[in-house]
Amino acid sequence: MQLYLLSFPLWILFVVLVLGGALLAAGASWLAGRHLRCQPDENDVGVAIFQMVGAIFSITLAFTISAVYEEFENARNNVSQESNAIVTLLRLSKELPEPQSSTLQAALHTYTQQVVEREWPLMMNGQPSDEVSKALHQLWNLQRDLPENNHTQQVLEQRVYENLQNLTGHRRIRIFDSREQLAPMMWGLLLGGGFITVAFAISLRTGNNRSQALMVGSLAAAICFCLLLVMALDSPFSGSLQVTPDAFDEALKLFQDDL
């Protein structure tokens, strides 16, 4: 469901979820004001409960936004580190003798291009690309065939091995990041907490039906916007607010400059 919603443009989700939620809550508040008549002592009890529920929900929501934003930034940084490993391997390949140098550069170019063209669209559904896996396997085969005739070549082979290991690890983390999402129980807590908070705001009457409808609508819009932000950040490789392959595009430009 989350990935399906993120397939729509962000502005459409904003209009439907945020503005739609605000209008729905404001309309519910206006209707409640015409039919509910609360006594002052009932409002006092409701306000005390509302403050407790609101505090718990706001803390939970703030913690969730902070957590998913941190995971989003970690995914972005991991992509940058993977592209840095590609660039480092490209520079190391230029120190190798022929034909190993040209063969390794061609394999690195294939891997980078396959990541951008094949694997990135698949990561929207948390799927890896078989072509990228084959390209990575080819890189490991080339590493095993590197010459070690002297100390310089041995050091160079070791550095290639270390950076190729980093490349493999960052790719594995990138695939895992594309699959990770908030637990359904956590989503239930956020949605349920938001609904209860807005419901309390509707049930506590102020006497001015129009102004309360406006305040309840504003509260619902703020909550819906925060939930939309959580949903967008929770899937770093899906939707409009996704991690882009710009770092890999920059690496591809380096290959083109060497041609």
C-alpha atoms as a PDB file:
ATOM      1  CA  MET A   1       0.000   0.000   0.000  1.00  0.00           C
ATOM      2  CA  GLN A   2       2.811   2.397   0.913  1.00  0.00           C
ATOM      3  CA  LEU A   3       4.694   1.805  -2.333  1.00  0.00           C
ATOM      4  CA  TYR A   4       1.461   2.165  -4.296  1.00  0.00           C
ATOM      5  CA  LEU A   5       0.773   5.577  -2.752  1.00  0.00           C
ATOM      6  CA  LEU A   6       4.341   6.704  -3.413  1.00  0.00           C
ATOM      7  CA  SER A   7       3.876   5.928  -7.104  1.00  0.00           C
ATOM      8  CA  PHE A   8       1.768   9.116  -7.324  1.00  0.00           C
ATOM      9  CA  PRO A   9       3.395  12.584  -7.522  1.00  0.00           C
ATOM     10  CA  LEU A  10       4.016  14.224  -4.170  1.00  0.00           C
ATOM     11  CA  TRP A  11       1.718  17.158  -4.894  1.00  0.00           C
ATOM     12  CA  ILE A  12      -1.205  14.816  -5.546  1.00  0.00           C
ATOM     13  CA  LEU A  13      -0.585  13.051  -2.229  1.00  0.00           C
ATOM     14  CA  PHE A  14      -0.432  16.451  -0.528  1.00  0.00           C
ATOM     15  CA  VAL A  15      -3.750  17.552  -1.991  1.00  0.00           C
ATOM     16  CA  VAL A  16      -5.556  14.278  -1.283  1.00  0.00           C
ATOM     17  CA  LEU A  17      -4.088  13.356   2.095  1.00  0.00           C
ATOM     18  CA  VAL A  18      -3.227  16.695   3.700  1.00  0.00           C
ATOM     19  CA  LEU A  19      -5.859  19.054   2.307  1.00  0.00           C
ATOM     20  CA  GLY A  20      -8.434  16.270   2.114  1.00  0.00           C
ATOM     21  CA  GLY A  21      -7.770  15.262   5.708  1.00  0.00           C
ATOM     22  CA  ALA A  22      -8.031  18.883   6.839  1.00  0.00           C
ATOM     23  CA  LEU A  23     -11.358  19.412   5.069  1.00  0.00           C
ATOM     24  CA  LEU A  24     -12.737  16.140   6.395  1.00  0.00           C
ATOM     25  CA  ALA A  25     -11.753  16.981   9.978  1.00  0.00           C
ATOM     26  CA  ALA A  26     -13.077  20.535   9.706  1.00  0.00           C
ATOM     27  CA  GLY A  27     -16.383  19.232   8.312  1.00  0.00           C
ATOM     28  CA  ALA A  28     -16.650  16.659  11.090  1.00  0.00           C
ATOM     29  CA  SER A  29     -16.002  19.387  13.675  1.00  0.00           C
ATOM     30  CA  TRP A  30     -18.645  21.634  12.158  1.00  0.00           C
ATOM     31  CA  LEU A  31     -21.215  18.823  12.150  1.00  0.00           C
ATOM     32  CA  ALA A  32     -20.318  17.866  15.709  1.00  0.00           C
ATOM     33  CA  GLY A  33     -20.832  21.455  16.809  1.00  0.00           C
ATOM     34  CA  ARG A  34     -24.407  21.340  15.553  1.00  0.00           C
ATOM     35  CA  HIS A  35     -25.290  18.145  17.409  1.00  0.00           C
ATOM     36  CA  LEU A  36     -23.017  17.952  20.476  1.00  0.00           C
ATOM     37  CA  ARG A  37     -23.602  19.937  23.624  1.00  0.00           C
ATOM     38  CA  CYS A  38     -20.924  19.370  26.275  1.00  0.00           C
ATOM     39  CA  GLN A  39     -21.093  20.573  29.865  1.00  0.00           C
ATOM     40  CA  PRO A  40     -18.140  22.580  31.272  1.00  0.00           C
ATOM     41  CA  ASP A  41     -17.126  19.793  33.664  1.00  0.00           C
ATOM     42  CA  GLU A  42     -17.088  17.314  30.774  1.00  0.00           C
ATOM     43  CA  ASN A  43     -14.780  19.588  28.836  1.00  0.00           C
ATOM     44  CA  ASP A  44     -12.402  19.830  31.804  1.00  0.00           C
ATOM     45  CA  VAL A  45     -12.008  16.069  31.947  1.00  0.00           C
ATOM     46  CA  GLY A  46     -11.661  15.884  28.175  1.00  0.00           C
ATOM     47  CA  VAL A  47      -8.970  18.567  28.102  1.00  0.00           C
ATOM     48  CA  ALA A  48      -6.869  16.659  30.652  1.00  0.00           C
ATOM     49  CA  ILE A  49      -7.113  13.453  28.605  1.00  0.00           C
ATOM     50  CA  PHE A  50      -6.533  15.351  25.357  1.00  0.00           C
ATOM     51  CA  GLN A  51      -3.317  16.877  26.702  1.00  0.00           C
ATOM     52  CA  MET A  52      -1.993  13.458  27.697  1.00  0.00           C
ATOM     53  CA  VAL A  53      -2.942  11.817  24.395  1.00  0.00           C
ATOM     54  CA  GLY A  54      -1.560  14.752  22.415  1.00  0.00           C
ATOM     55  CA  ALA A  55       1.743  14.672  24.296  1.00  0.00           C
ATOM     56  CA  ILE A  56       2.197  10.929  23.749  1.00  0.00           C
ATOM     57  CA  PHE A  57       1.321  11.186  20.062  1.00  0.00           C
ATOM     58  CA  SER A  58       3.525  14.230  19.422  1.00  0.00           C
ATOM     59  CA  ILE A  59       6.541  12.572  21.068  1.00  0.00           C
ATOM     60  CA  THR A  60       5.985   9.372  19.077  1.00  0.00           C
ATOM     61  CA  LEU A  61       5.578  11.301  15.835  1.00  0.00           C
ATOM     62  CA  ALA A  62       8.678  13.423  16.429  1.00  0.00           C
ATOM     63  CA  PHE A  63      10.742  10.335  17.263  1.00  0.00           C
ATOM     64  CA  THR A  64       9.521   8.562  14.118  1.00  0.00           C
ATOM     65  CA  ILE A  65      10.301  11.516  11.840  1.00  0.00           C
ATOM     66  CA  SER A  66      13.782  11.779  13.335  1.00  0.00           C
ATOM     67  CA  ALA A  67      14.391   8.029  12.887  1.00  0.00           C
ATOM     68  CA  VAL A  68      13.218   7.796   9.264  1.00  0.00           C
ATOM     69  CA  TYR A  69      15.114  10.968   8.325  1.00  0.00           C
ATOM     70  CA  GLU A  70      18.295   9.516   9.775  1.00  0.00           C
ATOM     71  CA  GLU A  71      17.754   6.303   7.796  1.00  0.00           C
ATOM     72  CA  PHE A  72      17.105   8.359   4.652  1.00  0.00           C
ATOM     73  CA  GLU A  73      20.377  10.262   5.100  1.00  0.00           C
ATOM     74  CA  ASN A  74      22.236   7.017   5.807  1.00  0.00           C
ATOM     75  CA  ALA A  75      20.902   5.586   2.538  1.00  0.00           C
ATOM     76  CA  ARG A  76      22.045   8.713   0.675  1.00  0.00           C
ATOM     77  CA  ASN A  77      25.504   8.564   2.265  1.00  0.00           C
ATOM     78  CA  ASN A  78      25.812   4.860   1.456  1.00  0.00           C
ATOM     79  CA  VAL A  79      25.121   5.592  -2.213  1.00  0.00           C
ATOM     80  CA  SER A  80      27.849   8.255  -2.186  1.00  0.00           C
ATOM     81  CA  GLN A  81      30.304   5.825  -0.607  1.00  0.00           C
ATOM     82  CA  GLU A  82      29.496   3.185  -3.219  1.00  0.00           C
ATOM     83  CA  SER A  83      30.172   5.638  -6.029  1.00  0.00           C
ATOM     84  CA  ASN A  84      33.393   6.719  -4.305  1.00  0.00           C
ATOM     85  CA  ALA A  85      34.526   3.095  -4.316  1.00  0.00           C
ATOM     86  CA  ILE A  86      33.883   2.968  -8.071  1.00  0.00           C
ATOM     87  CA  VAL A  87      35.944   6.115  -8.662  1.00  0.00           C
ATOM     88  CA  THR A  88      38.783   4.770  -6.502  1.00  0.00           C
ATOM     89  CA  LEU A  89      38.779   1.491  -8.431  1.00  0.00           C
ATOM     90  CA  LEU A  90      38.851   3.444 -11.683  1.00  0.00           C
ATOM     91  CA  ARG A  91      41.958   5.320 -10.565  1.00  0.00           C
ATOM     92  CA  LEU A  92      43.605   2.120  -9.351  1.00  0.00           C
ATOM     93  CA  SER A  93      42.866   0.415 -12.670  1.00  0.00           C
ATOM     94  CA  LYS A  94      44.968   3.026 -14.468  1.00  0.00           C
ATOM     95  CA  GLU A  95      48.015   1.812 -12.530  1.00  0.00           C
ATOM     96  CA  LEU A  96      47.580  -1.742 -13.770  1.00  0.00           C
ATOM     97  CA  PRO A  97      49.360  -3.134 -16.819  1.00  0.00           C
ATOM     98  CA  GLU A  98      47.496  -3.923 -20.010  1.00  0.00           C
ATOM     99  CA  PRO A  99      45.244  -5.712 -20.767  1.00  0.00           C
ATOM    100  CA  GLN A 100      44.065  -5.834 -17.101  1.00  0.00           C
ATOM    101  CA  SER A 101      43.729  -2.041 -16.963  1.00  0.00           C
ATOM    102  CA  SER A 102      41.336  -1.696 -19.895  1.00  0.00           C
ATOM    103  CA  THR A 103      39.385  -4.822 -18.937  1.00  0.00           C
ATOM    104  CA  LEU A 104      38.810  -3.609 -15.359  1.00  0.00           C
ATOM    105  CA  GLN A 105      37.778  -0.140 -16.527  1.00  0.00           C
ATOM    106  CA  ALA A 106      35.275  -1.637 -18.974  1.00  0.00           C
ATOM    107  CA  ALA A 107      33.836  -3.867 -16.242  1.00  0.00           C
ATOM    108  CA  LEU A 108      33.529  -0.912 -13.857  1.00  0.00           C
ATOM    109  CA  HIS A 109      31.740   1.108 -16.533  1.00  0.00           C
ATOM    110  CA  THR A 110      29.323  -1.765 -17.146  1.00  0.00           C
ATOM    111  CA  TYR A 111      28.579  -2.103 -13.436  1.00  0.00           C
ATOM    112  CA  THR A 112      27.941   1.627 -12.992  1.00  0.00           C
ATOM    113  CA  GLN A 113      25.763   1.878 -16.078  1.00  0.00           C
ATOM    114  CA  GLN A 114      23.711  -1.177 -15.099  1.00  0.00           C
ATOM    115  CA  VAL A 115      23.109   0.257 -11.627  1.00  0.00           C
ATOM    116  CA  VAL A 116      21.697   3.481 -13.062  1.00  0.00           C
ATOM    117  CA  GLU A 117      19.693   1.985 -15.928  1.00  0.00           C
ATOM    118  CA  ARG A 118      18.540  -1.373 -14.559  1.00  0.00           C
ATOM    119  CA  GLU A 119      18.826  -1.613 -10.783  1.00  0.00           C
ATOM    120  CA  TRP A 120      17.635   1.839  -9.736  1.00  0.00           C
ATOM    121  CA  PRO A 121      14.095   1.450 -11.150  1.00  0.00           C
ATOM    122  CA  LEU A 122      13.869  -2.035  -9.605  1.00  0.00           C
ATOM    123  CA  MET A 123      14.773  -0.716  -6.168  1.00  0.00           C
ATOM    124  CA  MET A 124      11.432   1.066  -6.015  1.00  0.00           C
ATOM    125  CA  ASN A 125      10.080  -2.419  -5.228  1.00  0.00           C
ATOM    126  CA  GLY A 126      13.113  -3.507  -3.225  1.00  0.00           C
ATOM    127  CA  GLN A 127      14.460  -5.769  -5.984  1.00  0.00           C
ATOM    128  CA  PRO A 128      18.086  -6.148  -7.133  1.00  0.00           C
ATOM    129  CA  SER A 129      19.160  -6.479 -10.759  1.00  0.00           C
ATOM    130  CA  ASP A 130      20.566  -9.738 -12.063  1.00  0.00           C
ATOM    131  CA  GLU A 131      22.652  -7.788 -14.600  1.00  0.00           C
ATOM    132  CA  VAL A 132      24.312  -5.794 -11.804  1.00  0.00           C
ATOM    133  CA  SER A 133      24.991  -8.994  -9.868  1.00  0.00           C
ATOM    134  CA  LYS A 134      26.666 -10.487 -12.950  1.00  0.00           C
ATOM    135  CA  ALA A 135      28.709  -7.312 -13.469  1.00  0.00           C
ATOM    136  CA  LEU A 136      29.854  -7.418  -9.844  1.00  0.00           C
ATOM    137  CA  HIS A 137      30.757 -11.084 -10.188  1.00  0.00           C
ATOM    138  CA  GLN A 138      32.823 -10.213 -13.265  1.00  0.00           C
ATOM    139  CA  LEU A 139      34.715  -7.571 -11.248  1.00  0.00           C
ATOM    140  CA  TRP A 140      35.623 -10.191  -8.639  1.00  0.00           C
ATOM    141  CA  ASN A 141      36.827 -12.557 -11.378  1.00  0.00           C
ATOM    142  CA  LEU A 142      39.066  -9.830 -12.769  1.00  0.00           C
ATOM    143  CA  GLN A 143      40.439  -9.075  -9.314  1.00  0.00           C
ATOM    144  CA  ARG A 144      41.459 -12.685  -8.817  1.00  0.00           C
ATOM    145  CA  ASP A 145      43.352 -12.622 -12.126  1.00  0.00           C
ATOM    146  CA  LEU A 146      45.429  -9.529 -11.323  1.00  0.00           C
ATOM    147  CA  PRO A 147      49.199 -10.083 -11.517  1.00  0.00           C
ATOM    148  CA  GLU A 148      51.288 -10.198  -8.324  1.00  0.00           C
ATOM    149  CA  ASN A 149      54.777 -10.431  -9.792  1.00  0.00           C
ATOM    150  CA  ASN A 150      56.367  -7.821  -7.514  1.00  0.00           C
ATOM    151  CA  HIS A 151      55.725  -5.863  -4.346  1.00  0.00           C
ATOM    152  CA  THR A 152      54.105  -2.929  -6.170  1.00  0.00           C
ATOM    153  CA  GLN A 153      51.619  -5.162  -7.931  1.00  0.00           C
ATOM    154  CA  GLN A 154      50.854  -6.968  -4.679  1.00  0.00           C
ATOM    155  CA  VAL A 155      50.052  -3.679  -2.929  1.00  0.00           C
ATOM    156  CA  LEU A 156      47.936  -2.575  -5.878  1.00  0.00           C
ATOM    157  CA  GLU A 157      46.042  -5.883  -5.926  1.00  0.00           C
ATOM    158  CA  GLN A 158      45.355  -5.556  -2.196  1.00  0.00           C
ATOM    159  CA  ARG A 159      43.946  -2.047  -2.633  1.00  0.00           C
ATOM    160  CA  VAL A 160      41.736  -3.236  -5.475  1.00  0.00           C
ATOM    161  CA  TYR A 161      40.518  -6.075  -3.275  1.00  0.00           C
ATOM    162  CA  GLU A 162      39.699  -3.730  -0.379  1.00  0.00           C
ATOM    163  CA  ASN A 163      37.786  -1.245  -2.526  1.00  0.00           C
ATOM    164  CA  LEU A 164      35.918  -4.015  -4.337  1.00  0.00           C
ATOM    165  CA  GLN A 165      34.934  -5.402  -0.955  1.00  0.00           C
ATOM    166  CA  ASN A 166      33.660  -1.952   0.036  1.00  0.00           C
ATOM    167  CA  LEU A 167      31.740  -1.703  -3.236  1.00  0.00           C
ATOM    168  CA  THR A 168      30.063  -5.055  -2.613  1.00  0.00           C
ATOM    169  CA  GLY A 169      29.140  -4.138   0.950  1.00  0.00           C
ATOM    170  CA  HIS A 170      27.664  -0.766  -0.001  1.00  0.00           C
ATOM    171  CA  ARG A 171      25.608  -2.354  -2.752  1.00  0.00           C
ATOM    172  CA  ARG A 172      24.237  -4.932  -0.316  1.00  0.00           C
ATOM    173  CA  ILE A 173      23.305  -2.170   2.152  1.00  0.00           C
ATOM    174  CA  ARG A 174      21.645  -0.200  -0.675  1.00  0.00           C
ATOM    175  CA  ILE A 175      19.427  -3.171  -1.535  1.00  0.00           C
ATOM    176  CA  PHE A 176      18.539  -3.689   2.123  1.00  0.00           C
ATOM    177  CA  ASP A 177      17.688   0.009   2.483  1.00  0.00           C
ATOM    178  CA  SER A 178      15.277  -0.238  -0.455  1.00  0.00           C
ATOM    179  CA  ARG A 179      13.372  -3.028   1.359  1.00  0.00           C
ATOM    180  CA  GLU A 180      13.214  -1.668   4.892  1.00  0.00           C
ATOM    181  CA  GLN A 181       9.971  -0.018   6.011  1.00  0.00           C
ATOM    182  CA  LEU A 182       8.272   0.879   9.261  1.00  0.00           C
ATOM    183  CA  ALA A 183       6.619  -2.046  10.994  1.00  0.00           C
ATOM    184  CA  PRO A 184       2.820  -2.306  10.498  1.00  0.00           C
ATOM    185  CA  MET A 185       2.374  -1.964  14.267  1.00  0.00           C
ATOM    186  CA  MET A 186       4.214   1.367  14.168  1.00  0.00           C
ATOM    187  CA  TRP A 187       1.988   2.599  11.362  1.00  0.00           C
ATOM    188  CA  GLY A 188      -1.028   1.485  13.376  1.00  0.00           C
ATOM    189  CA  LEU A 189       0.213   3.520  16.337  1.00  0.00           C
ATOM    190  CA  LEU A 190       0.781   6.632  14.204  1.00  0.00           C
ATOM    191  CA  LEU A 191      -2.531   6.439  12.351  1.00  0.00           C
ATOM    192  CA  GLY A 192      -4.481   5.524  15.461  1.00  0.00           C
ATOM    193  CA  GLY A 193      -2.803   8.236  17.521  1.00  0.00           C
ATOM    194  CA  GLY A 194      -3.508  10.851  14.862  1.00  0.00           C
ATOM    195  CA  PHE A 195      -7.157   9.813  14.593  1.00  0.00           C
ATOM    196  CA  ILE A 196      -7.678   9.856  18.365  1.00  0.00           C
ATOM    197  CA  THR A 197      -5.991  13.245  18.694  1.00  0.00           C
ATOM    198  CA  VAL A 198      -8.210  14.811  16.028  1.00  0.00           C
ATOM    199  CA  ALA A 199     -11.292  13.085  17.480  1.00  0.00           C
ATOM    200  CA  PHE A 200     -10.589  14.613  20.913  1.00  0.00           C
ATOM    201  CA  ALA A 201     -10.124  18.034  19.299  1.00  0.00           C
ATOM    202  CA  ILE A 202     -13.529  17.642  17.637  1.00  0.00           C
ATOM    203  CA  SER A 203     -15.320  16.481  20.784  1.00  0.00           C
ATOM    204  CA  LEU A 204     -14.050  19.342  22.967  1.00  0.00           C
ATOM    205  CA  ARG A 205     -16.395  22.204  22.155  1.00  0.00           C
ATOM    206  CA  THR A 206     -15.350  25.848  22.484  1.00  0.00           C
ATOM    207  CA  GLY A 207     -18.686  27.491  21.751  1.00  0.00           C
ATOM    208  CA  ASN A 208     -17.582  28.990  18.419  1.00  0.00           C
ATOM    209  CA  ASN A 209     -18.312  26.352  15.822  1.00  0.00           C
ATOM    210  CA  ARG A 210     -16.616  28.083  12.903  1.00  0.00           C
ATOM    211  CA  SER A 211     -13.335  28.888  14.642  1.00  0.00           C
ATOM    212  CA  GLN A 212     -13.102  25.398  16.125  1.00  0.00           C
ATOM    213  CA  ALA A 213     -13.630  23.827  12.718  1.00  0.00           C
ATOM    214  CA  LEU A 214     -10.740  25.948  11.422  1.00  0.00           C
ATOM    215  CA  MET A 215      -8.476  24.933  14.316  1.00  0.00           C
ATOM    216  CA  VAL A 216      -9.343  21.252  13.993  1.00  0.00           C
ATOM    217  CA  GLY A 217      -8.728  21.395  10.249  1.00  0.00           C
ATOM    218  CA  SER A 218      -5.323  22.988  10.847  1.00  0.00           C
ATOM    219  CA  LEU A 219      -4.436  20.324  13.396  1.00  0.00           C
ATOM    220  CA  ALA A 220      -5.462  17.539  11.022  1.00  0.00           C
ATOM    221  CA  ALA A 221      -3.472  19.123   8.171  1.00  0.00           C
ATOM    222  CA  ALA A 222      -0.339  19.290  10.330  1.00  0.00           C
ATOM    223  CA  ILE A 223      -0.724  15.647  11.419  1.00  0.00           C
ATOM    224  CA  CYS A 224      -1.409  14.428   7.874  1.00  0.00           C
ATOM    225  CA  PHE A 225       1.579  16.357   6.551  1.00  0.00           C
ATOM    226  CA  CYS A 226       3.853  14.764   9.170  1.00  0.00           C
ATOM    227  CA  LEU A 227       2.522  11.304   8.315  1.00  0.00           C
ATOM    228  CA  LEU A 228       3.084  11.999   4.604  1.00  0.00           C
ATOM    229  CA  LEU A 229       6.647  13.041   5.411  1.00  0.00           C
ATOM    230  CA  VAL A 230       7.193   9.813   7.354  1.00  0.00           C
ATOM    231  CA  MET A 231       5.873   7.753   4.438  1.00  0.00           C
ATOM    232  CA  ALA A 232       8.096   9.559   1.914  1.00  0.00           C
ATOM    233  CA  LEU A 233      11.270   9.294   4.020  1.00  0.00           C
ATOM    234  CA  ASP A 234      10.570   5.688   5.001  1.00  0.00           C
ATOM    235  CA  SER A 235      11.112   4.551   1.392  1.00  0.00           C
ATOM    236  CA  PRO A 236      14.363   6.246   0.308  1.00  0.00           C
ATOM    237  CA  PHE A 237      14.321   4.748  -3.197  1.00  0.00           C
ATOM    238  CA  SER A 238      10.609   5.235  -4.003  1.00  0.00           C
ATOM    239  CA  GLY A 239       8.403   8.215  -4.695  1.00  0.00           C
ATOM    240  CA  SER A 240       9.197  11.832  -5.505  1.00  0.00           C
ATOM    241  CA  LEU A 241      11.417  12.316  -2.443  1.00  0.00           C
ATOM    242  CA  GLN A 242      13.847   9.530  -3.286  1.00  0.00           C
ATOM    243  CA  VAL A 243      17.609   9.159  -3.304  1.00  0.00           C
ATOM    244  CA  THR A 244      18.732   9.782  -6.871  1.00  0.00           C
ATOM    245  CA  PRO A 245      21.636   8.096  -8.722  1.00  0.00           C
ATOM    246  CA  ASP A 246      23.420  11.426  -9.229  1.00  0.00           C
ATOM    247  CA  ALA A 247      26.613  10.110  -7.635  1.00  0.00           C
ATOM    248  CA  PHE A 248      26.705   7.256 -10.168  1.00  0.00           C
ATOM    249  CA  ASP A 249      26.029   9.692 -13.014  1.00  0.00           C
ATOM    250  CA  GLU A 250      29.065  11.677 -11.927  1.00  0.00           C
ATOM    251  CA  ALA A 251      31.120   8.483 -11.939  1.00  0.00           C
ATOM    252  CA  LEU A 252      29.940   7.717 -15.482  1.00  0.00           C
ATOM    253  CA  LYS A 253      31.147  11.155 -16.589  1.00  0.00           C
ATOM    254  CA  LEU A 254      34.634  10.209 -15.431  1.00  0.00           C
ATOM    255  CA  PHE A 255      34.544   7.164 -17.676  1.00  0.00           C
ATOM    256  CA  GLN A 256      33.436   9.305 -20.612  1.00  0.00           C
ATOM    257  CA  ASP A 257      36.227  11.815 -19.973  1.00  0.00           C
ATOM    258  CA  ASP A 258      38.774   9.003 -20.228  1.00  0.00           C
ATOM    259  CA  LEU A 259      37.510   7.876 -23.616  1.00  0.00           C
END
